[in-house]
PDB file of N, CA and C in Angstrom:
ATOM      1  N   MET A   1       6.059 -20.811  44.567  1.00  0.00           N
ATOM      2  CA  MET A   1       5.217 -20.919  46.300  1.00  0.00           C
ATOM      3  C   MET A   1       4.599 -20.424  46.878  1.00  0.00           C
ATOM      4  N   THR A   2       3.001 -20.431  46.732  1.00  0.00           N
ATOM      5  CA  THR A   2       2.584 -19.227  46.871  1.00  0.00           C
ATOM      6  C   THR A   2       2.596 -19.064  48.499  1.00  0.00           C
ATOM      7  N   ASN A   3       2.153 -17.802  48.753  1.00  0.00           N
ATOM      8  CA  ASN A   3       1.884 -17.311  50.573  1.00  0.00           C
ATOM      9  C   ASN A   3       0.635 -17.889  51.060  1.00  0.00           C
ATOM     10  N   ASN A   4       0.375 -19.359  51.168  1.00  0.00           N
ATOM     11  CA  ASN A   4      -1.198 -19.543  52.070  1.00  0.00           C
ATOM     12  C   ASN A   4      -1.187 -20.161  53.600  1.00  0.00           C
ATOM     13  N   PRO A   5      -1.353 -18.699  54.330  1.00  0.00           N
ATOM     14  CA  PRO A   5      -1.812 -20.125  55.700  1.00  0.00           C
ATOM     15  C   PRO A   5      -2.518 -20.266  56.047  1.00  0.00           C
ATOM     16  N   LYS A   6      -3.449 -21.281  55.361  1.00  0.00           N
ATOM     17  CA  LYS A   6      -3.941 -22.138  55.558  1.00  0.00           C
ATOM     18  C   LYS A   6      -3.556 -23.074  56.069  1.00  0.00           C
ATOM     19  N   PRO A   7      -3.440 -23.815  56.487  1.00  0.00           N
ATOM     20  CA  PRO A   7      -2.807 -25.364  57.249  1.00  0.00           C
ATOM     21  C   PRO A   7      -3.652 -26.728  55.626  1.00  0.00           C
ATOM     22  N   LYS A   8      -3.005 -27.551  55.493  1.00  0.00           N
ATOM     23  CA  LYS A   8      -3.221 -28.581  54.631  1.00  0.00           C
ATOM     24  C   LYS A   8      -4.429 -29.867  55.675  1.00  0.00           C
ATOM     25  N   PHE A   9      -5.118 -29.916  54.802  1.00  0.00           N
ATOM     26  CA  PHE A   9      -5.377 -31.606  55.235  1.00  0.00           C
ATOM     27  C   PHE A   9      -5.880 -32.430  54.165  1.00  0.00           C
ATOM     28  N   ALA A  10      -5.064 -33.442  54.284  1.00  0.00           N
ATOM     29  CA  ALA A  10      -5.020 -34.142  53.178  1.00  0.00           C
ATOM     30  C   ALA A  10      -5.593 -35.869  53.473  1.00  0.00           C
ATOM     31  N   MET A  11      -6.319 -36.817  52.552  1.00  0.00           N
ATOM     32  CA  MET A  11      -6.611 -38.177  53.213  1.00  0.00           C
ATOM     33  C   MET A  11      -5.882 -38.736  52.614  1.00  0.00           C
ATOM     34  N   TYR A  12      -5.734 -39.988  52.390  1.00  0.00           N
ATOM     35  CA  TYR A  12      -5.062 -41.165  51.719  1.00  0.00           C
ATOM     36  C   TYR A  12      -5.588 -42.344  51.650  1.00  0.00           C
ATOM     37  N   TRP A  13      -6.268 -43.120  50.920  1.00  0.00           N
ATOM     38  CA  TRP A  13      -6.723 -43.877  50.744  1.00  0.00           C
ATOM     39  C   TRP A  13      -5.932 -45.480  51.489  1.00  0.00           C
ATOM     40  N   ALA A  14      -5.480 -45.471  51.940  1.00  0.00           N
ATOM     41  CA  ALA A  14      -4.867 -46.872  52.950  1.00  0.00           C
ATOM     42  C   ALA A  14      -5.495 -48.020  52.819  1.00  0.00           C
ATOM     43  N   ALA A  15      -6.629 -47.808  53.250  1.00  0.00           N
ATOM     44  CA  ALA A  15      -7.362 -49.303  53.137  1.00  0.00           C
ATOM     45  C   ALA A  15      -8.314 -50.094  52.343  1.00  0.00           C
ATOM     46  N   SER A  16      -8.563 -49.320  51.017  1.00  0.00           N
ATOM     47  CA  SER A  16      -8.754 -49.937  50.030  1.00  0.00           C
ATOM     48  C   SER A  16     -10.413 -49.800  50.263  1.00  0.00           C
ATOM     49  N   CYS A  17     -10.746 -49.337  51.338  1.00  0.00           N
ATOM     50  CA  CYS A  17     -12.299 -49.374  51.429  1.00  0.00           C
ATOM     51  C   CYS A  17     -13.314 -47.785  51.333  1.00  0.00           C
ATOM     52  N   GLY A  18     -12.800 -47.295  51.299  1.00  0.00           N
ATOM     53  CA  GLY A  18     -13.106 -45.271  50.842  1.00  0.00           C
ATOM     54  C   GLY A  18     -14.054 -45.581  52.412  1.00  0.00           C
ATOM     55  N   GLY A  19     -14.211 -45.668  53.357  1.00  0.00           N
ATOM     56  CA  GLY A  19     -14.878 -45.658  54.501  1.00  0.00           C
ATOM     57  C   GLY A  19     -14.797 -44.010  55.398  1.00  0.00           C
ATOM     58  N   CYS A  20     -12.936 -44.065  55.125  1.00  0.00           N
ATOM     59  CA  CYS A  20     -12.548 -42.819  55.960  1.00  0.00           C
ATOM     60  C   CYS A  20     -13.331 -41.491  54.719  1.00  0.00           C
ATOM     61  N   GLU A  21     -12.962 -41.811  53.499  1.00  0.00           N
ATOM     62  CA  GLU A  21     -13.733 -40.260  53.090  1.00  0.00           C
ATOM     63  C   GLU A  21     -15.150 -40.406  52.646  1.00  0.00           C
ATOM     64  N   ILE A  22     -16.164 -41.298  53.382  1.00  0.00           N
ATOM     65  CA  ILE A  22     -17.526 -41.282  53.585  1.00  0.00           C
ATOM     66  C   ILE A  22     -17.413 -40.887  55.037  1.00  0.00           C
ATOM     67  N   ALA A  23     -16.279 -41.144  55.773  1.00  0.00           N
ATOM     68  CA  ALA A  23     -16.928 -40.726  57.574  1.00  0.00           C
ATOM     69  C   ALA A  23     -16.648 -38.741  57.125  1.00  0.00           C
ATOM     70  N   VAL A  24     -15.431 -38.176  56.295  1.00  0.00           N
ATOM     71  CA  VAL A  24     -15.299 -37.047  56.394  1.00  0.00           C
ATOM     72  C   VAL A  24     -16.767 -36.494  55.525  1.00  0.00           C
ATOM     73  N   LEU A  25     -17.161 -36.786  54.444  1.00  0.00           N
ATOM     74  CA  LEU A  25     -18.058 -36.008  54.362  1.00  0.00           C
ATOM     75  C   LEU A  25     -19.216 -36.406  54.193  1.00  0.00           C
ATOM     76  N   ASN A  26     -19.536 -36.745  55.944  1.00  0.00           N
ATOM     77  CA  ASN A  26     -20.525 -37.596  56.488  1.00  0.00           C
ATOM     78  C   ASN A  26     -21.531 -36.263  57.017  1.00  0.00           C
ATOM     79  N   ILE A  27     -19.916 -35.203  57.509  1.00  0.00           N
ATOM     80  CA  ILE A  27     -20.464 -33.876  58.008  1.00  0.00           C
ATOM     81  C   ILE A  27     -21.165 -33.152  57.008  1.00  0.00           C
ATOM     82  N   HIS A  28     -21.425 -33.974  56.320  1.00  0.00           N
ATOM     83  CA  HIS A  28     -22.815 -32.731  55.364  1.00  0.00           C
ATOM     84  C   HIS A  28     -22.255 -30.877  54.757  1.00  0.00           C
ATOM     85  N   GLU A  29     -22.924 -30.451  55.769  1.00  0.00           N
ATOM     86  CA  GLU A  29     -22.763 -28.586  55.104  1.00  0.00           C
ATOM     87  C   GLU A  29     -21.378 -28.429  56.248  1.00  0.00           C
ATOM     88  N   LYS A  30     -20.905 -28.822  56.645  1.00  0.00           N
ATOM     89  CA  LYS A  30     -20.017 -28.217  57.558  1.00  0.00           C
ATOM     90  C   LYS A  30     -18.437 -28.491  56.980  1.00  0.00           C
ATOM     91  N   ILE A  31     -18.729 -29.582  55.659  1.00  0.00           N
ATOM     92  CA  ILE A  31     -17.427 -30.133  54.192  1.00  0.00           C
ATOM     93  C   ILE A  31     -16.827 -28.418  54.445  1.00  0.00           C
ATOM     94  N   LEU A  32     -18.031 -27.149  54.257  1.00  0.00           N
ATOM     95  CA  LEU A  32     -17.670 -26.097  53.396  1.00  0.00           C
ATOM     96  C   LEU A  32     -17.192 -25.423  54.657  1.00  0.00           C
ATOM     97  N   ASP A  33     -17.265 -25.526  55.600  1.00  0.00           N
ATOM     98  CA  ASP A  33     -16.507 -24.969  56.887  1.00  0.00           C
ATOM     99  C   ASP A  33     -14.912 -25.675  56.915  1.00  0.00           C
ATOM    100  N   VAL A  34     -14.541 -26.499  56.832  1.00  0.00           N
ATOM    101  CA  VAL A  34     -13.520 -27.688  56.544  1.00  0.00           C
ATOM    102  C   VAL A  34     -12.213 -26.676  55.063  1.00  0.00           C
ATOM    103  N   ASP A  35     -13.531 -26.363  53.420  1.00  0.00           N
ATOM    104  CA  ASP A  35     -12.601 -25.838  52.539  1.00  0.00           C
ATOM    105  C   ASP A  35     -12.695 -23.966  52.541  1.00  0.00           C
ATOM    106  N   ALA A  36     -12.968 -23.320  53.732  1.00  0.00           N
ATOM    107  CA  ALA A  36     -12.957 -22.745  54.217  1.00  0.00           C
ATOM    108  C   ALA A  36     -11.441 -22.000  54.676  1.00  0.00           C
ATOM    109  N   ASN A  37     -11.343 -23.609  55.444  1.00  0.00           N
ATOM    110  CA  ASN A  37     -10.225 -23.202  56.391  1.00  0.00           C
ATOM    111  C   ASN A  37      -9.023 -24.300  56.822  1.00  0.00           C
ATOM    112  N   PHE A  38      -9.055 -25.120  55.777  1.00  0.00           N
ATOM    113  CA  PHE A  38      -8.156 -25.860  54.951  1.00  0.00           C
ATOM    114  C   PHE A  38      -7.997 -25.641  53.686  1.00  0.00           C
ATOM    115  N   ASP A  39      -6.163 -26.526  53.551  1.00  0.00           N
ATOM    116  CA  ASP A  39      -5.854 -26.577  51.933  1.00  0.00           C
ATOM    117  C   ASP A  39      -6.184 -27.394  51.352  1.00  0.00           C
ATOM    118  N   VAL A  40      -7.109 -28.379  51.235  1.00  0.00           N
ATOM    119  CA  VAL A  40      -7.877 -29.823  50.283  1.00  0.00           C
ATOM    120  C   VAL A  40      -7.089 -30.471  49.480  1.00  0.00           C
ATOM    121  N   VAL A  41      -6.034 -30.980  49.616  1.00  0.00           N
ATOM    122  CA  VAL A  41      -5.005 -31.798  49.332  1.00  0.00           C
ATOM    123  C   VAL A  41      -4.887 -33.363  48.930  1.00  0.00           C
ATOM    124  N   PHE A  42      -4.539 -33.377  48.511  1.00  0.00           N
ATOM    125  CA  PHE A  42      -4.211 -35.093  48.143  1.00  0.00           C
ATOM    126  C   PHE A  42      -2.939 -35.788  48.673  1.00  0.00           C
TER     127      PHE A  42
END
């Protein structure tokens, strides 16, 4: 088990359309801030 202080950020493809994933990626360069502050998981 790793000692990772960052909270986890997960997306689940529940609606089968992918719109939520597109909306998250539509924040452009700020996605790098998300990656720096969260452990991105599926």
